[in-house]
Amino acid sequence: MAFSDNFFKRVEQKTNVNKETILDLAKKLQEGNLKDEGTLREVIGELSKMTGREVSEENKKKIIDAVVNDNIPKDIDKMI
């Protein structure tokens, strides 16, 4: 899936996370096992640090369940 520069600009405006950081994280995700709870917790933790937003244990569980069960939106561009 290719994202436009406009997408990255909108993400950066909302999160203060630059395109290079996003792409580095995406590479890590591609190399990791997204069905593994430990990997997902690590990624959530990194995103939390990058954005300066704390993620509650309840929300972590919801995110992990959604990813493991393939309940994530197919058009992420519209979410941003």
PDB file of N, CA and C in Angstrom:
ATOM      1  N   MET A   1       0.852  -1.178   0.000  1.00  0.00           N
ATOM      2  CA  MET A   1       0.000   0.000   0.000  1.00  0.00           C
ATOM      3  C   MET A   1       0.892   1.233   0.000  1.00  0.00           C
ATOM      4  N   ALA A   2       0.692   2.097  -0.945  1.00  0.00           N
ATOM      5  CA  ALA A   2       1.478   3.321  -1.045  1.00  0.00           C
ATOM      6  C   ALA A   2       0.694   4.490  -0.455  1.00  0.00           C
ATOM      7  N   PHE A   3       1.384   5.266   0.345  1.00  0.00           N
ATOM      8  CA  PHE A   3       0.758   6.444   0.949  1.00  0.00           C
ATOM      9  C   PHE A   3       1.316   7.692   0.288  1.00  0.00           C
ATOM     10  N   SER A   4       0.473   8.677   0.134  1.00  0.00           N
ATOM     11  CA  SER A   4       0.890   9.929  -0.488  1.00  0.00           C
ATOM     12  C   SER A   4       1.639  10.799   0.523  1.00  0.00           C
ATOM     13  N   ASP A   5       2.391  11.760  -0.012  1.00  0.00           N
ATOM     14  CA  ASP A   5       3.072  12.715   0.868  1.00  0.00           C
ATOM     15  C   ASP A   5       2.060  13.494   1.696  1.00  0.00           C
ATOM     16  N   ASN A   6       0.873  13.721   1.131  1.00  0.00           N
ATOM     17  CA  ASN A   6      -0.184  14.417   1.852  1.00  0.00           C
ATOM     18  C   ASN A   6      -0.581  13.632   3.115  1.00  0.00           C
ATOM     19  N   PHE A   7      -0.651  12.318   2.988  1.00  0.00           N
ATOM     20  CA  PHE A   7      -0.964  11.466   4.132  1.00  0.00           C
ATOM     21  C   PHE A   7       0.073  11.672   5.240  1.00  0.00           C
ATOM     22  N   PHE A   8       1.357  11.609   4.870  1.00  0.00           N
ATOM     23  CA  PHE A   8       2.423  11.766   5.861  1.00  0.00           C
ATOM     24  C   PHE A   8       2.393  13.158   6.488  1.00  0.00           C
ATOM     25  N   LYS A   9       2.080  14.179   5.696  1.00  0.00           N
ATOM     26  CA  LYS A   9       1.986  15.537   6.237  1.00  0.00           C
ATOM     27  C   LYS A   9       0.867  15.640   7.265  1.00  0.00           C
ATOM     28  N   ARG A  10      -0.280  15.019   6.983  1.00  0.00           N
ATOM     29  CA  ARG A  10      -1.400  15.053   7.928  1.00  0.00           C
ATOM     30  C   ARG A  10      -1.055  14.307   9.214  1.00  0.00           C
ATOM     31  N   VAL A  11      -0.393  13.169   9.079  1.00  0.00           N
ATOM     32  CA  VAL A  11       0.019  12.416  10.267  1.00  0.00           C
ATOM     33  C   VAL A  11       1.006  13.235  11.084  1.00  0.00           C
ATOM     34  N   GLU A  12       1.973  13.842  10.421  1.00  0.00           N
ATOM     35  CA  GLU A  12       2.970  14.635  11.138  1.00  0.00           C
ATOM     36  C   GLU A  12       2.342  15.824  11.851  1.00  0.00           C
ATOM     37  N   GLN A  13       1.370  16.469  11.218  1.00  0.00           N
ATOM     38  CA  GLN A  13       0.694  17.602  11.848  1.00  0.00           C
ATOM     39  C   GLN A  13      -0.050  17.172  13.108  1.00  0.00           C
ATOM     40  N   LYS A  14      -0.648  15.999  13.066  1.00  0.00           N
ATOM     41  CA  LYS A  14      -1.432  15.540  14.216  1.00  0.00           C
ATOM     42  C   LYS A  14      -0.581  14.922  15.309  1.00  0.00           C
ATOM     43  N   THR A  15       0.572  14.339  14.938  1.00  0.00           N
ATOM     44  CA  THR A  15       1.333  13.569  15.916  1.00  0.00           C
ATOM     45  C   THR A  15       2.737  14.087  16.177  1.00  0.00           C
ATOM     46  N   ASN A  16       3.238  14.973  15.328  1.00  0.00           N
ATOM     47  CA  ASN A  16       4.621  15.448  15.402  1.00  0.00           C
ATOM     48  C   ASN A  16       5.623  14.319  15.165  1.00  0.00           C
ATOM     49  N   VAL A  17       5.210  13.289  14.453  1.00  0.00           N
ATOM     50  CA  VAL A  17       6.093  12.180  14.077  1.00  0.00           C
ATOM     51  C   VAL A  17       6.367  12.319  12.586  1.00  0.00           C
ATOM     52  N   ASN A  18       7.653  12.400  12.226  1.00  0.00           N
ATOM     53  CA  ASN A  18       7.993  12.655  10.827  1.00  0.00           C
ATOM     54  C   ASN A  18       7.934  11.390   9.965  1.00  0.00           C
ATOM     55  N   LYS A  19       7.982  11.612   8.667  1.00  0.00           N
ATOM     56  CA  LYS A  19       7.839  10.543   7.685  1.00  0.00           C
ATOM     57  C   LYS A  19       8.907   9.461   7.871  1.00  0.00           C
ATOM     58  N   GLU A  20      10.143   9.853   8.117  1.00  0.00           N
ATOM     59  CA  GLU A  20      11.221   8.886   8.265  1.00  0.00           C
ATOM     60  C   GLU A  20      10.980   7.963   9.459  1.00  0.00           C
ATOM     61  N   THR A  21      10.505   8.520  10.551  1.00  0.00           N
ATOM     62  CA  THR A  21      10.207   7.724  11.738  1.00  0.00           C
ATOM     63  C   THR A  21       9.078   6.744  11.446  1.00  0.00           C
ATOM     64  N   ILE A  22       8.079   7.207  10.734  1.00  0.00           N
ATOM     65  CA  ILE A  22       6.952   6.353  10.361  1.00  0.00           C
ATOM     66  C   ILE A  22       7.432   5.200   9.480  1.00  0.00           C
ATOM     67  N   LEU A  23       8.276   5.525   8.494  1.00  0.00           N
ATOM     68  CA  LEU A  23       8.778   4.492   7.590  1.00  0.00           C
ATOM     69  C   LEU A  23       9.676   3.495   8.320  1.00  0.00           C
ATOM     70  N   ASP A  24      10.471   3.970   9.279  1.00  0.00           N
ATOM     71  CA  ASP A  24      11.297   3.064  10.081  1.00  0.00           C
ATOM     72  C   ASP A  24      10.426   2.105  10.882  1.00  0.00           C
ATOM     73  N   LEU A  25       9.364   2.631  11.461  1.00  0.00           N
ATOM     74  CA  LEU A  25       8.449   1.793  12.223  1.00  0.00           C
ATOM     75  C   LEU A  25       7.736   0.799  11.308  1.00  0.00           C
ATOM     76  N   ALA A  26       7.357   1.249  10.123  1.00  0.00           N
ATOM     77  CA  ALA A  26       6.699   0.360   9.158  1.00  0.00           C
ATOM     78  C   ALA A  26       7.614  -0.800   8.773  1.00  0.00           C
ATOM     79  N   LYS A  27       8.892  -0.512   8.608  1.00  0.00           N
ATOM     80  CA  LYS A  27       9.850  -1.566   8.285  1.00  0.00           C
ATOM     81  C   LYS A  27       9.920  -2.581   9.421  1.00  0.00           C
ATOM     82  N   LYS A  28       9.938  -2.076  10.624  1.00  0.00           N
ATOM     83  CA  LYS A  28       9.973  -2.969  11.786  1.00  0.00           C
ATOM     84  C   LYS A  28       8.721  -3.842  11.820  1.00  0.00           C
ATOM     85  N   LEU A  29       7.582  -3.256  11.500  1.00  0.00           N
ATOM     86  CA  LEU A  29       6.331  -4.006  11.483  1.00  0.00           C
ATOM     87  C   LEU A  29       6.358  -5.088  10.409  1.00  0.00           C
ATOM     88  N   GLN A  30       6.922  -4.777   9.265  1.00  0.00           N
ATOM     89  CA  GLN A  30       6.992  -5.747   8.175  1.00  0.00           C
ATOM     90  C   GLN A  30       7.865  -6.934   8.552  1.00  0.00           C
ATOM     91  N   GLU A  31       8.905  -6.664   9.323  1.00  0.00           N
ATOM     92  CA  GLU A  31       9.833  -7.723   9.708  1.00  0.00           C
ATOM     93  C   GLU A  31       9.363  -8.499  10.931  1.00  0.00           C
ATOM     94  N   GLY A  32       8.378  -7.964  11.643  1.00  0.00           N
ATOM     95  CA  GLY A  32       7.895  -8.600  12.866  1.00  0.00           C
ATOM     96  C   GLY A  32       6.653  -9.433  12.636  1.00  0.00           C
ATOM     97  N   ASN A  33       6.244 -10.119  13.669  1.00  0.00           N
ATOM     98  CA  ASN A  33       5.043 -10.947  13.624  1.00  0.00           C
ATOM     99  C   ASN A  33       3.896 -10.163  14.250  1.00  0.00           C
ATOM    100  N   LEU A  34       2.981  -9.683  13.417  1.00  0.00           N
ATOM    101  CA  LEU A  34       1.885  -8.855  13.913  1.00  0.00           C
ATOM    102  C   LEU A  34       0.798  -9.655  14.616  1.00  0.00           C
ATOM    103  N   LYS A  35       0.926 -10.945  14.649  1.00  0.00           N
ATOM    104  CA  LYS A  35      -0.033 -11.764  15.397  1.00  0.00           C
ATOM    105  C   LYS A  35       0.513 -12.087  16.784  1.00  0.00           C
ATOM    106  N   ASP A  36       1.717 -11.593  17.068  1.00  0.00           N
ATOM    107  CA  ASP A  36       2.370 -11.834  18.353  1.00  0.00           C
ATOM    108  C   ASP A  36       2.087 -10.675  19.307  1.00  0.00           C
ATOM    109  N   GLU A  37       1.500 -10.984  20.443  1.00  0.00           N
ATOM    110  CA  GLU A  37       1.129  -9.936  21.394  1.00  0.00           C
ATOM    111  C   GLU A  37       2.336  -9.138  21.872  1.00  0.00           C
ATOM    112  N   GLY A  38       3.463  -9.801  22.084  1.00  0.00           N
ATOM    113  CA  GLY A  38       4.669  -9.105  22.540  1.00  0.00           C
ATOM    114  C   GLY A  38       5.147  -8.072  21.532  1.00  0.00           C
ATOM    115  N   THR A  39       5.144  -8.445  20.264  1.00  0.00           N
ATOM    116  CA  THR A  39       5.542  -7.518  19.199  1.00  0.00           C
ATOM    117  C   THR A  39       4.599  -6.326  19.161  1.00  0.00           C
ATOM    118  N   LEU A  40       3.314  -6.601  19.239  1.00  0.00           N
ATOM    119  CA  LEU A  40       2.329  -5.518  19.201  1.00  0.00           C
ATOM    120  C   LEU A  40       2.469  -4.591  20.400  1.00  0.00           C
ATOM    121  N   ARG A  41       2.701  -5.139  21.571  1.00  0.00           N
ATOM    122  CA  ARG A  41       2.892  -4.298  22.768  1.00  0.00           C
ATOM    123  C   ARG A  41       4.118  -3.397  22.605  1.00  0.00           C
ATOM    124  N   GLU A  42       5.174  -3.950  22.018  1.00  0.00           N
ATOM    125  CA  GLU A  42       6.386  -3.165  21.792  1.00  0.00           C
ATOM    126  C   GLU A  42       6.110  -2.016  20.823  1.00  0.00           C
ATOM    127  N   VAL A  43       5.400  -2.288  19.752  1.00  0.00           N
ATOM    128  CA  VAL A  43       5.074  -1.262  18.764  1.00  0.00           C
ATOM    129  C   VAL A  43       4.170  -0.196  19.378  1.00  0.00           C
ATOM    130  N   ILE A  44       3.178  -0.614  20.138  1.00  0.00           N
ATOM    131  CA  ILE A  44       2.288   0.345  20.803  1.00  0.00           C
ATOM    132  C   ILE A  44       3.091   1.229  21.748  1.00  0.00           C
ATOM    133  N   GLY A  45       4.025   0.632  22.477  1.00  0.00           N
ATOM    134  CA  GLY A  45       4.874   1.397  23.383  1.00  0.00           C
ATOM    135  C   GLY A  45       5.713   2.430  22.648  1.00  0.00           C
ATOM    136  N   GLU A  46       6.286   2.026  21.507  1.00  0.00           N
ATOM    137  CA  GLU A  46       7.087   2.955  20.716  1.00  0.00           C
ATOM    138  C   GLU A  46       6.233   4.101  20.180  1.00  0.00           C
ATOM    139  N   LEU A  47       5.050   3.764  19.693  1.00  0.00           N
ATOM    140  CA  LEU A  47       4.149   4.809  19.194  1.00  0.00           C
ATOM    141  C   LEU A  47       3.736   5.755  20.315  1.00  0.00           C
ATOM    142  N   SER A  48       3.498   5.206  21.480  1.00  0.00           N
ATOM    143  CA  SER A  48       3.126   6.023  22.626  1.00  0.00           C
ATOM    144  C   SER A  48       4.232   7.025  22.962  1.00  0.00           C
ATOM    145  N   LYS A  49       5.467   6.542  22.964  1.00  0.00           N
ATOM    146  CA  LYS A  49       6.606   7.428  23.245  1.00  0.00           C
ATOM    147  C   LYS A  49       6.758   8.494  22.167  1.00  0.00           C
ATOM    148  N   MET A  50       6.627   8.082  20.900  1.00  0.00           N
ATOM    149  CA  MET A  50       6.799   9.023  19.791  1.00  0.00           C
ATOM    150  C   MET A  50       5.783  10.148  19.833  1.00  0.00           C
ATOM    151  N   THR A  51       4.557   9.811  20.174  1.00  0.00           N
ATOM    152  CA  THR A  51       3.485  10.792  20.128  1.00  0.00           C
ATOM    153  C   THR A  51       3.282  11.512  21.462  1.00  0.00           C
ATOM    154  N   GLY A  52       3.895  11.001  22.512  1.00  0.00           N
ATOM    155  CA  GLY A  52       3.725  11.606  23.826  1.00  0.00           C
ATOM    156  C   GLY A  52       2.347  11.347  24.421  1.00  0.00           C
ATOM    157  N   ARG A  53       1.702  10.296  23.940  1.00  0.00           N
ATOM    158  CA  ARG A  53       0.372   9.949  24.433  1.00  0.00           C
ATOM    159  C   ARG A  53       0.409   8.583  25.092  1.00  0.00           C
ATOM    160  N   GLU A  54      -0.055   8.542  26.306  1.00  0.00           N
ATOM    161  CA  GLU A  54      -0.079   7.282  27.035  1.00  0.00           C
ATOM    162  C   GLU A  54      -1.267   6.434  26.575  1.00  0.00           C
ATOM    163  N   VAL A  55      -1.042   5.144  26.465  1.00  0.00           N
ATOM    164  CA  VAL A  55      -2.091   4.218  26.058  1.00  0.00           C
ATOM    165  C   VAL A  55      -2.427   3.337  27.260  1.00  0.00           C
ATOM    166  N   SER A  56      -3.683   3.367  27.662  1.00  0.00           N
ATOM    167  CA  SER A  56      -4.098   2.568  28.810  1.00  0.00           C
ATOM    168  C   SER A  56      -4.010   1.085  28.490  1.00  0.00           C
ATOM    169  N   GLU A  57      -3.935   0.276  29.513  1.00  0.00           N
ATOM    170  CA  GLU A  57      -3.887  -1.174  29.334  1.00  0.00           C
ATOM    171  C   GLU A  57      -5.134  -1.666  28.601  1.00  0.00           C
ATOM    172  N   GLU A  58      -6.271  -1.073  28.914  1.00  0.00           N
ATOM    173  CA  GLU A  58      -7.524  -1.448  28.252  1.00  0.00           C
ATOM    174  C   GLU A  58      -7.451  -1.163  26.746  1.00  0.00           C
ATOM    175  N   ASN A  59      -6.929   0.003  26.379  1.00  0.00           N
ATOM    176  CA  ASN A  59      -6.813   0.344  24.967  1.00  0.00           C
ATOM    177  C   ASN A  59      -5.769  -0.513  24.260  1.00  0.00           C
ATOM    178  N   LYS A  60      -4.680  -0.841  24.957  1.00  0.00           N
ATOM    179  CA  LYS A  60      -3.692  -1.744  24.373  1.00  0.00           C
ATOM    180  C   LYS A  60      -4.348  -3.074  24.019  1.00  0.00           C
ATOM    181  N   LYS A  61      -5.138  -3.583  24.937  1.00  0.00           N
ATOM    182  CA  LYS A  61      -5.821  -4.863  24.723  1.00  0.00           C
ATOM    183  C   LYS A  61      -6.756  -4.778  23.515  1.00  0.00           C
ATOM    184  N   LYS A  62      -7.492  -3.677  23.404  1.00  0.00           N
ATOM    185  CA  LYS A  62      -8.400  -3.493  22.271  1.00  0.00           C
ATOM    186  C   LYS A  62      -7.632  -3.450  20.947  1.00  0.00           C
ATOM    187  N   ILE A  63      -6.518  -2.729  20.934  1.00  0.00           N
ATOM    188  CA  ILE A  63      -5.706  -2.624  19.726  1.00  0.00           C
ATOM    189  C   ILE A  63      -5.152  -3.988  19.343  1.00  0.00           C
ATOM    190  N   ILE A  64      -4.606  -4.683  20.312  1.00  0.00           N
ATOM    191  CA  ILE A  64      -4.024  -6.007  20.052  1.00  0.00           C
ATOM    192  C   ILE A  64      -5.091  -6.960  19.531  1.00  0.00           C
ATOM    193  N   ASP A  65      -6.252  -6.978  20.179  1.00  0.00           N
ATOM    194  CA  ASP A  65      -7.338  -7.855  19.730  1.00  0.00           C
ATOM    195  C   ASP A  65      -7.761  -7.520  18.308  1.00  0.00           C
ATOM    196  N   ALA A  66      -7.857  -6.232  17.982  1.00  0.00           N
ATOM    197  CA  ALA A  66      -8.268  -5.825  16.638  1.00  0.00           C
ATOM    198  C   ALA A  66      -7.253  -6.267  15.589  1.00  0.00           C
ATOM    199  N   VAL A  67      -5.976  -6.114  15.876  1.00  0.00           N
ATOM    200  CA  VAL A  67      -4.944  -6.493  14.916  1.00  0.00           C
ATOM    201  C   VAL A  67      -4.890  -8.016  14.755  1.00  0.00           C
ATOM    202  N   VAL A  68      -4.879  -8.729  15.866  1.00  0.00           N
ATOM    203  CA  VAL A  68      -4.786 -10.194  15.817  1.00  0.00           C
ATOM    204  C   VAL A  68      -5.991 -10.794  15.099  1.00  0.00           C
ATOM    205  N   ASN A  69      -7.152 -10.194  15.290  1.00  0.00           N
ATOM    206  CA  ASN A  69      -8.381 -10.725  14.685  1.00  0.00           C
ATOM    207  C   ASN A  69      -8.725 -10.068  13.345  1.00  0.00           C
ATOM    208  N   ASP A  70      -7.781  -9.309  12.783  1.00  0.00           N
ATOM    209  CA  ASP A  70      -7.968  -8.645  11.488  1.00  0.00           C
ATOM    210  C   ASP A  70      -9.192  -7.733  11.456  1.00  0.00           C
ATOM    211  N   ASN A  71      -9.439  -7.025  12.537  1.00  0.00           N
ATOM    212  CA  ASN A  71     -10.557  -6.083  12.618  1.00  0.00           C
ATOM    213  C   ASN A  71     -10.082  -4.644  12.501  1.00  0.00           C
ATOM    214  N   ILE A  72      -9.153  -4.406  11.601  1.00  0.00           N
ATOM    215  CA  ILE A  72      -8.654  -3.048  11.401  1.00  0.00           C
ATOM    216  C   ILE A  72      -9.214  -2.501  10.099  1.00  0.00           C
ATOM    217  N   PRO A  73      -9.450  -1.190  10.031  1.00  0.00           N
ATOM    218  CA  PRO A  73      -9.999  -0.597   8.809  1.00  0.00           C
ATOM    219  C   PRO A  73      -9.049  -0.795   7.631  1.00  0.00           C
ATOM    220  N   LYS A  74      -9.603  -1.029   6.482  1.00  0.00           N
ATOM    221  CA  LYS A  74      -8.799  -1.239   5.278  1.00  0.00           C
ATOM    222  C   LYS A  74      -8.339   0.077   4.668  1.00  0.00           C
ATOM    223  N   ASP A  75      -9.035   1.180   4.942  1.00  0.00           N
ATOM    224  CA  ASP A  75      -8.679   2.468   4.365  1.00  0.00           C
ATOM    225  C   ASP A  75      -8.222   3.413   5.474  1.00  0.00           C
ATOM    226  N   ILE A  76      -6.995   3.230   5.917  1.00  0.00           N
ATOM    227  CA  ILE A  76      -6.456   4.016   7.014  1.00  0.00           C
ATOM    228  C   ILE A  76      -6.346   5.491   6.650  1.00  0.00           C
ATOM    229  N   ASP A  77      -6.119   5.795   5.379  1.00  0.00           N
ATOM    230  CA  ASP A  77      -5.973   7.178   4.922  1.00  0.00           C
ATOM    231  C   ASP A  77      -7.177   8.031   5.317  1.00  0.00           C
ATOM    232  N   LYS A  78      -8.373   7.462   5.321  1.00  0.00           N
ATOM    233  CA  LYS A  78      -9.570   8.216   5.676  1.00  0.00           C
ATOM    234  C   LYS A  78      -9.690   8.465   7.178  1.00  0.00           C
ATOM    235  N   MET A  79      -8.942   7.711   7.984  1.00  0.00           N
ATOM    236  CA  MET A  79      -8.995   7.871   9.437  1.00  0.00           C
ATOM    237  C   MET A  79      -8.213   9.086   9.902  1.00  0.00           C
ATOM    238  N   ILE A  80      -7.240   9.513   9.112  1.00  0.00           N
ATOM    239  CA  ILE A  80      -6.346  10.587   9.520  1.00  0.00           C
ATOM    240  C   ILE A  80      -6.899  11.924   9.082  1.00  0.00           C
TER     241      ILE A  80
END
